[in-house]
PDB file of N, CA and C in Angstrom:
ATOM      1  N   MET A   1     -62.260  20.725 -15.745  1.00  0.00           N
ATOM      2  CA  MET A   1     -63.339  19.771 -15.625  1.00  0.00           C
ATOM      3  C   MET A   1     -64.545  20.469 -14.996  1.00  0.00           C
ATOM      4  N   LYS A   2     -65.720  20.290 -15.623  1.00  0.00           N
ATOM      5  CA  LYS A   2     -66.920  20.932 -15.117  1.00  0.00           C
ATOM      6  C   LYS A   2     -67.511  20.121 -13.977  1.00  0.00           C
ATOM      7  N   LYS A   3     -68.034  20.841 -13.012  1.00  0.00           N
ATOM      8  CA  LYS A   3     -68.686  20.192 -11.884  1.00  0.00           C
ATOM      9  C   LYS A   3     -70.171  20.030 -12.215  1.00  0.00           C
ATOM     10  N   ILE A   4     -70.694  18.827 -12.049  1.00  0.00           N
ATOM     11  CA  ILE A   4     -72.101  18.562 -12.325  1.00  0.00           C
ATOM     12  C   ILE A   4     -72.900  18.850 -11.067  1.00  0.00           C
ATOM     13  N   VAL A   5     -73.905  19.694 -11.217  1.00  0.00           N
ATOM     14  CA  VAL A   5     -74.745  20.068 -10.084  1.00  0.00           C
ATOM     15  C   VAL A   5     -76.156  19.551 -10.333  1.00  0.00           C
ATOM     16  N   PHE A   6     -76.689  18.795  -9.393  1.00  0.00           N
ATOM     17  CA  PHE A   6     -78.054  18.299  -9.493  1.00  0.00           C
ATOM     18  C   PHE A   6     -78.967  19.213  -8.696  1.00  0.00           C
ATOM     19  N   LYS A   7     -79.979  19.729  -9.371  1.00  0.00           N
ATOM     20  CA  LYS A   7     -80.916  20.610  -8.693  1.00  0.00           C
ATOM     21  C   LYS A   7     -82.078  19.802  -8.139  1.00  0.00           C
ATOM     22  N   LYS A   8     -82.575  20.255  -7.025  1.00  0.00           N
ATOM     23  CA  LYS A   8     -83.728  19.612  -6.422  1.00  0.00           C
ATOM     24  C   LYS A   8     -84.965  19.979  -7.233  1.00  0.00           C
ATOM     25  N   GLN A   9     -85.761  18.978  -7.590  1.00  0.00           N
ATOM     26  CA  GLN A   9     -86.950  19.241  -8.387  1.00  0.00           C
ATOM     27  C   GLN A   9     -88.087  19.720  -7.510  1.00  0.00           C
ATOM     28  N   ASN A  10     -88.882  20.592  -8.102  1.00  0.00           N
ATOM     29  CA  ASN A  10     -90.064  21.084  -7.418  1.00  0.00           C
ATOM     30  C   ASN A  10     -91.140  20.009  -7.470  1.00  0.00           C
ATOM     31  N   ARG A  11     -91.656  19.612  -6.338  1.00  0.00           N
ATOM     32  CA  ARG A  11     -92.664  18.556  -6.312  1.00  0.00           C
ATOM     33  C   ARG A  11     -94.050  19.080  -6.664  1.00  0.00           C
ATOM     34  N   ASN A  12     -94.246  20.374  -6.712  1.00  0.00           N
ATOM     35  CA  ASN A  12     -95.557  20.948  -6.983  1.00  0.00           C
ATOM     36  C   ASN A  12     -95.734  21.236  -8.469  1.00  0.00           C
ATOM     37  N   THR A  13     -95.472  20.259  -9.310  1.00  0.00           N
ATOM     38  CA  THR A  13     -95.541  20.514 -10.740  1.00  0.00           C
ATOM     39  C   THR A  13     -96.943  20.332 -11.303  1.00  0.00           C
ATOM     40  N   LEU A  14     -97.709  19.381 -10.811  1.00  0.00           N
ATOM     41  CA  LEU A  14     -99.012  19.130 -11.405  1.00  0.00           C
ATOM     42  C   LEU A  14    -100.173  19.420 -10.461  1.00  0.00           C
ATOM     43  N   THR A  15    -100.050  19.018  -9.239  1.00  0.00           N
ATOM     44  CA  THR A  15    -101.116  19.272  -8.272  1.00  0.00           C
ATOM     45  C   THR A  15    -100.491  19.809  -6.993  1.00  0.00           C
ATOM     46  N   PRO A  16    -101.286  20.418  -6.147  1.00  0.00           N
ATOM     47  CA  PRO A  16    -100.730  20.971  -4.918  1.00  0.00           C
ATOM     48  C   PRO A  16    -100.046  19.939  -4.023  1.00  0.00           C
ATOM     49  N   ASN A  17    -100.459  18.671  -4.079  1.00  0.00           N
ATOM     50  CA  ASN A  17     -99.837  17.670  -3.219  1.00  0.00           C
ATOM     51  C   ASN A  17     -98.610  17.023  -3.865  1.00  0.00           C
ATOM     52  N   GLY A  18     -98.204  17.470  -5.043  1.00  0.00           N
ATOM     53  CA  GLY A  18     -96.946  17.019  -5.620  1.00  0.00           C
ATOM     54  C   GLY A  18     -97.035  15.885  -6.615  1.00  0.00           C
ATOM     55  N   GLY A  19     -98.204  15.493  -7.079  1.00  0.00           N
ATOM     56  CA  GLY A  19     -98.305  14.411  -8.046  1.00  0.00           C
ATOM     57  C   GLY A  19     -99.571  14.502  -8.862  1.00  0.00           C
ATOM     58  N   MET A  20     -99.671  13.618  -9.827  1.00  0.00           N
ATOM     59  CA  MET A  20    -100.879  13.589 -10.640  1.00  0.00           C
ATOM     60  C   MET A  20    -101.997  12.913  -9.856  1.00  0.00           C
ATOM     61  N   PRO A  21    -103.221  13.290 -10.120  1.00  0.00           N
ATOM     62  CA  PRO A  21    -104.342  12.612  -9.457  1.00  0.00           C
ATOM     63  C   PRO A  21    -104.388  11.142  -9.868  1.00  0.00           C
ATOM     64  N   LEU A  22    -104.792  10.300  -8.949  1.00  0.00           N
ATOM     65  CA  LEU A  22    -104.842   8.867  -9.212  1.00  0.00           C
ATOM     66  C   LEU A  22    -105.769   8.549 -10.377  1.00  0.00           C
ATOM     67  N   SER A  23    -106.860   9.269 -10.507  1.00  0.00           N
ATOM     68  CA  SER A  23    -107.786   9.005 -11.608  1.00  0.00           C
ATOM     69  C   SER A  23    -107.118   9.256 -12.962  1.00  0.00           C
ATOM     70  N   LEU A  24    -106.272  10.264 -13.055  1.00  0.00           N
ATOM     71  CA  LEU A  24    -105.565  10.543 -14.304  1.00  0.00           C
ATOM     72  C   LEU A  24    -104.531   9.460 -14.599  1.00  0.00           C
ATOM     73  N   VAL A  25    -103.850   8.981 -13.582  1.00  0.00           N
ATOM     74  CA  VAL A  25    -102.868   7.914 -13.765  1.00  0.00           C
ATOM     75  C   VAL A  25    -103.557   6.649 -14.268  1.00  0.00           C
ATOM     76  N   ILE A  26    -104.693   6.307 -13.690  1.00  0.00           N
ATOM     77  CA  ILE A  26    -105.431   5.125 -14.122  1.00  0.00           C
ATOM     78  C   ILE A  26    -105.928   5.297 -15.548  1.00  0.00           C
ATOM     79  N   LEU A  27    -106.464   6.468 -15.870  1.00  0.00           N
ATOM     80  CA  LEU A  27    -106.947   6.726 -17.229  1.00  0.00           C
ATOM     81  C   LEU A  27    -105.820   6.598 -18.247  1.00  0.00           C
ATOM     82  N   LEU A  28    -104.676   7.198 -17.966  1.00  0.00           N
ATOM     83  CA  LEU A  28    -103.552   7.143 -18.903  1.00  0.00           C
ATOM     84  C   LEU A  28    -103.017   5.716 -19.061  1.00  0.00           C
ATOM     85  N   SER A  29    -102.997   4.939 -17.988  1.00  0.00           N
ATOM     86  CA  SER A  29    -102.508   3.568 -18.087  1.00  0.00           C
ATOM     87  C   SER A  29    -103.473   2.689 -18.881  1.00  0.00           C
ATOM     88  N   VAL A  30    -104.779   2.896 -18.722  1.00  0.00           N
ATOM     89  CA  VAL A  30    -105.754   2.125 -19.497  1.00  0.00           C
ATOM     90  C   VAL A  30    -105.669   2.490 -20.977  1.00  0.00           C
ATOM     91  N   VAL A  31    -105.542   3.765 -21.281  1.00  0.00           N
ATOM     92  CA  VAL A  31    -105.422   4.201 -22.677  1.00  0.00           C
ATOM     93  C   VAL A  31    -104.145   3.637 -23.304  1.00  0.00           C
ATOM     94  N   ALA A  32    -103.040   3.656 -22.568  1.00  0.00           N
ATOM     95  CA  ALA A  32    -101.785   3.120 -23.093  1.00  0.00           C
ATOM     96  C   ALA A  32    -101.893   1.616 -23.341  1.00  0.00           C
ATOM     97  N   ALA A  33    -102.568   0.897 -22.454  1.00  0.00           N
ATOM     98  CA  ALA A  33    -102.738  -0.545 -22.635  1.00  0.00           C
ATOM     99  C   ALA A  33    -103.581  -0.842 -23.872  1.00  0.00           C
ATOM    100  N   PHE A  34    -104.667  -0.096 -24.070  1.00  0.00           N
ATOM    101  CA  PHE A  34    -105.496  -0.320 -25.250  1.00  0.00           C
ATOM    102  C   PHE A  34    -104.764   0.046 -26.536  1.00  0.00           C
ATOM    103  N   MET A  35    -103.979   1.092 -26.498  1.00  0.00           N
ATOM    104  CA  MET A  35    -103.232   1.485 -27.696  1.00  0.00           C
ATOM    105  C   MET A  35    -102.198   0.426 -28.077  1.00  0.00           C
ATOM    106  N   ALA A  36    -101.520  -0.132 -27.093  1.00  0.00           N
ATOM    107  CA  ALA A  36    -100.518  -1.159 -27.386  1.00  0.00           C
ATOM    108  C   ALA A  36    -101.182  -2.461 -27.832  1.00  0.00           C
ATOM    109  N   ALA A  37    -102.295  -2.820 -27.213  1.00  0.00           N
ATOM    110  CA  ALA A  37    -102.977  -4.061 -27.577  1.00  0.00           C
ATOM    111  C   ALA A  37    -103.712  -3.943 -28.903  1.00  0.00           C
ATOM    112  N   ASN A  38    -104.085  -2.750 -29.285  1.00  0.00           N
ATOM    113  CA  ASN A  38    -104.868  -2.530 -30.490  1.00  0.00           C
ATOM    114  C   ASN A  38    -104.155  -3.002 -31.752  1.00  0.00           C
ATOM    115  N   ILE A  39    -102.825  -2.974 -31.760  1.00  0.00           N
ATOM    116  CA  ILE A  39    -102.116  -3.403 -32.961  1.00  0.00           C
ATOM    117  C   ILE A  39    -102.139  -4.926 -33.125  1.00  0.00           C
ATOM    118  N   TYR A  40    -102.559  -5.648 -32.090  1.00  0.00           N
ATOM    119  CA  TYR A  40    -102.621  -7.109 -32.173  1.00  0.00           C
ATOM    120  C   TYR A  40    -104.043  -7.643 -32.263  1.00  0.00           C
ATOM    121  N   TYR A  41    -105.045  -6.811 -32.037  1.00  0.00           N
ATOM    122  CA  TYR A  41    -106.435  -7.281 -32.040  1.00  0.00           C
ATOM    123  C   TYR A  41    -106.884  -7.780 -33.413  1.00  0.00           C
ATOM    124  N   ASN A  42    -106.351  -7.253 -34.480  1.00  0.00           N
ATOM    125  CA  ASN A  42    -106.823  -7.629 -35.807  1.00  0.00           C
ATOM    126  C   ASN A  42    -106.234  -8.941 -36.320  1.00  0.00           C
ATOM    127  N   GLN A  43    -105.174  -9.450 -35.711  1.00  0.00           N
ATOM    128  CA  GLN A  43    -104.520 -10.650 -36.219  1.00  0.00           C
ATOM    129  C   GLN A  43    -105.416 -11.890 -36.187  1.00  0.00           C
ATOM    130  N   PRO A  44    -106.187 -12.158 -35.127  1.00  0.00           N
ATOM    131  CA  PRO A  44    -107.082 -13.322 -35.175  1.00  0.00           C
ATOM    132  C   PRO A  44    -108.219 -13.158 -36.189  1.00  0.00           C
ATOM    133  N   LEU A  45    -108.486 -11.940 -36.597  1.00  0.00           N
ATOM    134  CA  LEU A  45    -109.598 -11.671 -37.510  1.00  0.00           C
ATOM    135  C   LEU A  45    -109.173 -11.596 -38.969  1.00  0.00           C
ATOM    136  N   LEU A  46    -107.918 -11.865 -39.265  1.00  0.00           N
ATOM    137  CA  LEU A  46    -107.436 -11.699 -40.634  1.00  0.00           C
ATOM    138  C   LEU A  46    -108.152 -12.616 -41.615  1.00  0.00           C
ATOM    139  N   ASP A  47    -108.480 -13.829 -41.204  1.00  0.00           N
ATOM    140  CA  ASP A  47    -109.176 -14.738 -42.110  1.00  0.00           C
ATOM    141  C   ASP A  47    -110.584 -14.224 -42.412  1.00  0.00           C
ATOM    142  N   VAL A  48    -111.264 -13.698 -41.394  1.00  0.00           N
ATOM    143  CA  VAL A  48    -112.598 -13.128 -41.598  1.00  0.00           C
ATOM    144  C   VAL A  48    -112.505 -11.888 -42.482  1.00  0.00           C
ATOM    145  N   ILE A  49    -111.506 -11.062 -42.252  1.00  0.00           N
ATOM    146  CA  ILE A  49    -111.301  -9.870 -43.083  1.00  0.00           C
ATOM    147  C   ILE A  49    -111.056 -10.278 -44.534  1.00  0.00           C
ATOM    148  N   ARG A  50    -110.238 -11.312 -44.723  1.00  0.00           N
ATOM    149  CA  ARG A  50    -109.931 -11.782 -46.071  1.00  0.00           C
ATOM    150  C   ARG A  50    -111.190 -12.264 -46.785  1.00  0.00           C
ATOM    151  N   GLN A  51    -112.004 -13.038 -46.089  1.00  0.00           N
ATOM    152  CA  GLN A  51    -113.225 -13.568 -46.706  1.00  0.00           C
ATOM    153  C   GLN A  51    -114.232 -12.457 -47.009  1.00  0.00           C
ATOM    154  N   GLU A  52    -114.428 -11.539 -46.070  1.00  0.00           N
ATOM    155  CA  GLU A  52    -115.423 -10.482 -46.257  1.00  0.00           C
ATOM    156  C   GLU A  52    -115.021  -9.486 -47.342  1.00  0.00           C
ATOM    157  N   MET A  53    -113.734  -9.195 -47.427  1.00  0.00           N
ATOM    158  CA  MET A  53    -113.274  -8.216 -48.414  1.00  0.00           C
ATOM    159  C   MET A  53    -112.979  -8.858 -49.767  1.00  0.00           C
ATOM    160  N   GLY A  54    -112.899 -10.177 -49.812  1.00  0.00           N
ATOM    161  CA  GLY A  54    -112.618 -10.867 -51.069  1.00  0.00           C
ATOM    162  C   GLY A  54    -111.203 -10.649 -51.561  1.00  0.00           C
ATOM    163  N   VAL A  55    -110.248 -10.642 -50.645  1.00  0.00           N
ATOM    164  CA  VAL A  55    -108.838 -10.448 -51.017  1.00  0.00           C
ATOM    165  C   VAL A  55    -108.040 -11.677 -50.621  1.00  0.00           C
ATOM    166  N   ASN A  56    -106.800 -11.760 -51.098  1.00  0.00           N
ATOM    167  CA  ASN A  56    -105.963 -12.903 -50.724  1.00  0.00           C
ATOM    168  C   ASN A  56    -105.297 -12.648 -49.363  1.00  0.00           C
ATOM    169  N   GLU A  57    -104.559 -13.661 -48.876  1.00  0.00           N
ATOM    170  CA  GLU A  57    -103.951 -13.568 -47.540  1.00  0.00           C
ATOM    171  C   GLU A  57    -102.919 -12.448 -47.449  1.00  0.00           C
ATOM    172  N   LEU A  58    -102.155 -12.250 -48.508  1.00  0.00           N
ATOM    173  CA  LEU A  58    -101.132 -11.208 -48.490  1.00  0.00           C
ATOM    174  C   LEU A  58    -101.755  -9.827 -48.340  1.00  0.00           C
ATOM    175  N   GLN A  59    -102.815  -9.587 -49.085  1.00  0.00           N
ATOM    176  CA  GLN A  59    -103.479  -8.288 -48.997  1.00  0.00           C
ATOM    177  C   GLN A  59    -104.133  -8.094 -47.642  1.00  0.00           C
ATOM    178  N   ALA A  60    -104.703  -9.138 -47.078  1.00  0.00           N
ATOM    179  CA  ALA A  60    -105.340  -9.024 -45.761  1.00  0.00           C
ATOM    180  C   ALA A  60    -104.300  -8.797 -44.666  1.00  0.00           C
ATOM    181  N   SER A  61    -103.113  -9.345 -44.832  1.00  0.00           N
ATOM    182  CA  SER A  61    -102.079  -9.182 -43.806  1.00  0.00           C
ATOM    183  C   SER A  61    -101.546  -7.750 -43.750  1.00  0.00           C
ATOM    184  N   PHE A  62    -101.790  -6.966 -44.801  1.00  0.00           N
ATOM    185  CA  PHE A  62    -101.360  -5.568 -44.779  1.00  0.00           C
ATOM    186  C   PHE A  62    -102.101  -4.762 -43.718  1.00  0.00           C
ATOM    187  N   VAL A  63    -103.261  -5.253 -43.271  1.00  0.00           N
ATOM    188  CA  VAL A  63    -103.982  -4.579 -42.184  1.00  0.00           C
ATOM    189  C   VAL A  63    -103.100  -4.530 -40.942  1.00  0.00           C
ATOM    190  N   THR A  64    -102.489  -5.664 -40.613  1.00  0.00           N
ATOM    191  CA  THR A  64    -101.607  -5.724 -39.442  1.00  0.00           C
ATOM    192  C   THR A  64    -100.347  -4.896 -39.653  1.00  0.00           C
ATOM    193  N   VAL A  65     -99.771  -4.976 -40.846  1.00  0.00           N
ATOM    194  CA  VAL A  65     -98.543  -4.231 -41.139  1.00  0.00           C
ATOM    195  C   VAL A  65     -98.789  -2.737 -41.024  1.00  0.00           C
ATOM    196  N   ILE A  66     -99.883  -2.267 -41.598  1.00  0.00           N
ATOM    197  CA  ILE A  66    -100.187  -0.838 -41.562  1.00  0.00           C
ATOM    198  C   ILE A  66    -100.469  -0.381 -40.134  1.00  0.00           C
ATOM    199  N   ALA A  67    -101.163  -1.221 -39.339  1.00  0.00           N
ATOM    200  CA  ALA A  67    -101.427  -0.855 -37.946  1.00  0.00           C
ATOM    201  C   ALA A  67    -100.126  -0.724 -37.154  1.00  0.00           C
ATOM    202  N   GLN A  68     -99.194  -1.646 -37.369  1.00  0.00           N
ATOM    203  CA  GLN A  68     -97.928  -1.585 -36.649  1.00  0.00           C
ATOM    204  C   GLN A  68     -97.066  -0.419 -37.124  1.00  0.00           C
ATOM    205  N   ILE A  69     -97.094  -0.123 -38.406  1.00  0.00           N
ATOM    206  CA  ILE A  69     -96.348   1.039 -38.909  1.00  0.00           C
ATOM    207  C   ILE A  69     -96.931   2.328 -38.338  1.00  0.00           C
ATOM    208  N   GLY A  70     -98.256   2.417 -38.288  1.00  0.00           N
ATOM    209  CA  GLY A  70     -98.892   3.601 -37.702  1.00  0.00           C
ATOM    210  C   GLY A  70     -98.547   3.781 -36.246  1.00  0.00           C
ATOM    211  N   TYR A  71     -98.518   2.683 -35.492  1.00  0.00           N
ATOM    212  CA  TYR A  71     -98.149   2.750 -34.076  1.00  0.00           C
ATOM    213  C   TYR A  71     -96.700   3.220 -33.928  1.00  0.00           C
ATOM    214  N   THR A  72     -95.820   2.683 -34.758  1.00  0.00           N
ATOM    215  CA  THR A  72     -94.410   3.074 -34.700  1.00  0.00           C
ATOM    216  C   THR A  72     -94.222   4.549 -35.049  1.00  0.00           C
ATOM    217  N   LEU A  73     -94.912   5.010 -36.090  1.00  0.00           N
ATOM    218  CA  LEU A  73     -94.798   6.424 -36.456  1.00  0.00           C
ATOM    219  C   LEU A  73     -95.343   7.326 -35.347  1.00  0.00           C
ATOM    220  N   GLY A  74     -96.404   6.881 -34.689  1.00  0.00           N
ATOM    221  CA  GLY A  74     -96.923   7.647 -33.557  1.00  0.00           C
ATOM    222  C   GLY A  74     -95.905   7.752 -32.437  1.00  0.00           C
ATOM    223  N   LEU A  75     -95.225   6.653 -32.149  1.00  0.00           N
ATOM    224  CA  LEU A  75     -94.193   6.686 -31.109  1.00  0.00           C
ATOM    225  C   LEU A  75     -93.037   7.600 -31.510  1.00  0.00           C
ATOM    226  N   LEU A  76     -92.656   7.530 -32.771  1.00  0.00           N
ATOM    227  CA  LEU A  76     -91.513   8.327 -33.222  1.00  0.00           C
ATOM    228  C   LEU A  76     -91.800   9.826 -33.218  1.00  0.00           C
ATOM    229  N   PHE A  77     -93.050  10.212 -33.479  1.00  0.00           N
ATOM    230  CA  PHE A  77     -93.356  11.634 -33.596  1.00  0.00           C
ATOM    231  C   PHE A  77     -94.043  12.223 -32.371  1.00  0.00           C
ATOM    232  N   ILE A  78     -94.705  11.417 -31.561  1.00  0.00           N
ATOM    233  CA  ILE A  78     -95.431  11.956 -30.408  1.00  0.00           C
ATOM    234  C   ILE A  78     -94.578  11.965 -29.147  1.00  0.00           C
ATOM    235  N   ILE A  79     -93.815  10.916 -28.910  1.00  0.00           N
ATOM    236  CA  ILE A  79     -93.002  10.852 -27.691  1.00  0.00           C
ATOM    237  C   ILE A  79     -91.975  11.985 -27.616  1.00  0.00           C
ATOM    238  N   PRO A  80     -91.301  12.353 -28.703  1.00  0.00           N
ATOM    239  CA  PRO A  80     -90.365  13.477 -28.593  1.00  0.00           C
ATOM    240  C   PRO A  80     -91.028  14.807 -28.241  1.00  0.00           C
ATOM    241  N   LEU A  81     -92.344  14.918 -28.439  1.00  0.00           N
ATOM    242  CA  LEU A  81     -93.020  16.155 -28.058  1.00  0.00           C
ATOM    243  C   LEU A  81     -92.927  16.398 -26.548  1.00  0.00           C
ATOM    244  N   GLY A  82     -92.774  15.334 -25.764  1.00  0.00           N
ATOM    245  CA  GLY A  82     -92.605  15.490 -24.327  1.00  0.00           C
ATOM    246  C   GLY A  82     -91.337  16.250 -23.972  1.00  0.00           C
ATOM    247  N   ASP A  83     -90.342  16.159 -24.823  1.00  0.00           N
ATOM    248  CA  ASP A  83     -89.107  16.901 -24.602  1.00  0.00           C
ATOM    249  C   ASP A  83     -89.180  18.315 -25.164  1.00  0.00           C
ATOM    250  N   LYS A  84     -90.046  18.534 -26.130  1.00  0.00           N
ATOM    251  CA  LYS A  84     -90.134  19.828 -26.800  1.00  0.00           C
ATOM    252  C   LYS A  84     -91.107  20.786 -26.122  1.00  0.00           C
ATOM    253  N   LEU A  85     -92.219  20.274 -25.601  1.00  0.00           N
ATOM    254  CA  LEU A  85     -93.251  21.135 -25.021  1.00  0.00           C
ATOM    255  C   LEU A  85     -92.929  21.500 -23.575  1.00  0.00           C
ATOM    256  N   SER A  86     -93.303  22.680 -23.204  1.00  0.00           N
ATOM    257  CA  SER A  86     -93.099  23.133 -21.832  1.00  0.00           C
ATOM    258  C   SER A  86     -94.139  22.505 -20.922  1.00  0.00           C
ATOM    259  N   ARG A  87     -93.697  21.933 -19.822  1.00  0.00           N
ATOM    260  CA  ARG A  87     -94.636  21.323 -18.885  1.00  0.00           C
ATOM    261  C   ARG A  87     -95.408  22.362 -18.092  1.00  0.00           C
ATOM    262  N   ARG A  88     -94.926  23.567 -18.048  1.00  0.00           N
ATOM    263  CA  ARG A  88     -95.634  24.614 -17.315  1.00  0.00           C
ATOM    264  C   ARG A  88     -96.994  24.888 -17.938  1.00  0.00           C
ATOM    265  N   ARG A  89     -97.090  24.786 -19.272  1.00  0.00           N
ATOM    266  CA  ARG A  89     -98.367  25.034 -19.926  1.00  0.00           C
ATOM    267  C   ARG A  89     -99.324  23.864 -19.757  1.00  0.00           C
ATOM    268  N   LEU A  90     -98.842  22.699 -19.339  1.00  0.00           N
ATOM    269  CA  LEU A  90     -99.673  21.500 -19.214  1.00  0.00           C
ATOM    270  C   LEU A  90    -100.192  21.288 -17.791  1.00  0.00           C
ATOM    271  N   ARG A  91    -100.084  22.258 -16.929  1.00  0.00           N
ATOM    272  CA  ARG A  91    -100.538  22.101 -15.552  1.00  0.00           C
ATOM    273  C   ARG A  91    -102.037  21.874 -15.502  1.00  0.00           C
ATOM    274  N   PHE A  92    -102.436  21.034 -14.573  1.00  0.00           N
ATOM    275  CA  PHE A  92    -103.855  20.761 -14.376  1.00  0.00           C
ATOM    276  C   PHE A  92    -104.380  21.696 -13.313  1.00  0.00           C
ATOM    277  N   ARG A  93    -105.489  22.284 -13.590  1.00  0.00           N
ATOM    278  CA  ARG A  93    -106.098  23.203 -12.638  1.00  0.00           C
ATOM    279  C   ARG A  93    -107.394  22.596 -12.114  1.00  0.00           C
ATOM    280  N   ARG A  94    -107.652  22.840 -10.841  1.00  0.00           N
ATOM    281  CA  ARG A  94    -108.892  22.311 -10.246  1.00  0.00           C
ATOM    282  C   ARG A  94    -109.910  23.393 -10.117  1.00  0.00           C
TER     283      ARG A  94
END
């Protein structure tokens, strides 16, 4: 039976004080909120989109479907990059 050993993590990974700057955390959280909300912003506008483009309801609803598919594909292909890329190259320098 193998013994599991937990190593202590180095706290100096991103900044000298051991964490990301607060401004970066706020920026990333605002961007994430807008990205998640963006797939729902077009739903109240579907009737206006339908009228302006001269299409039926089914064709106008594809705007929402395509936005949600794009968001899902982004999650499927971008999030795994966090496991693939080395964090050492992503250090922030002041």
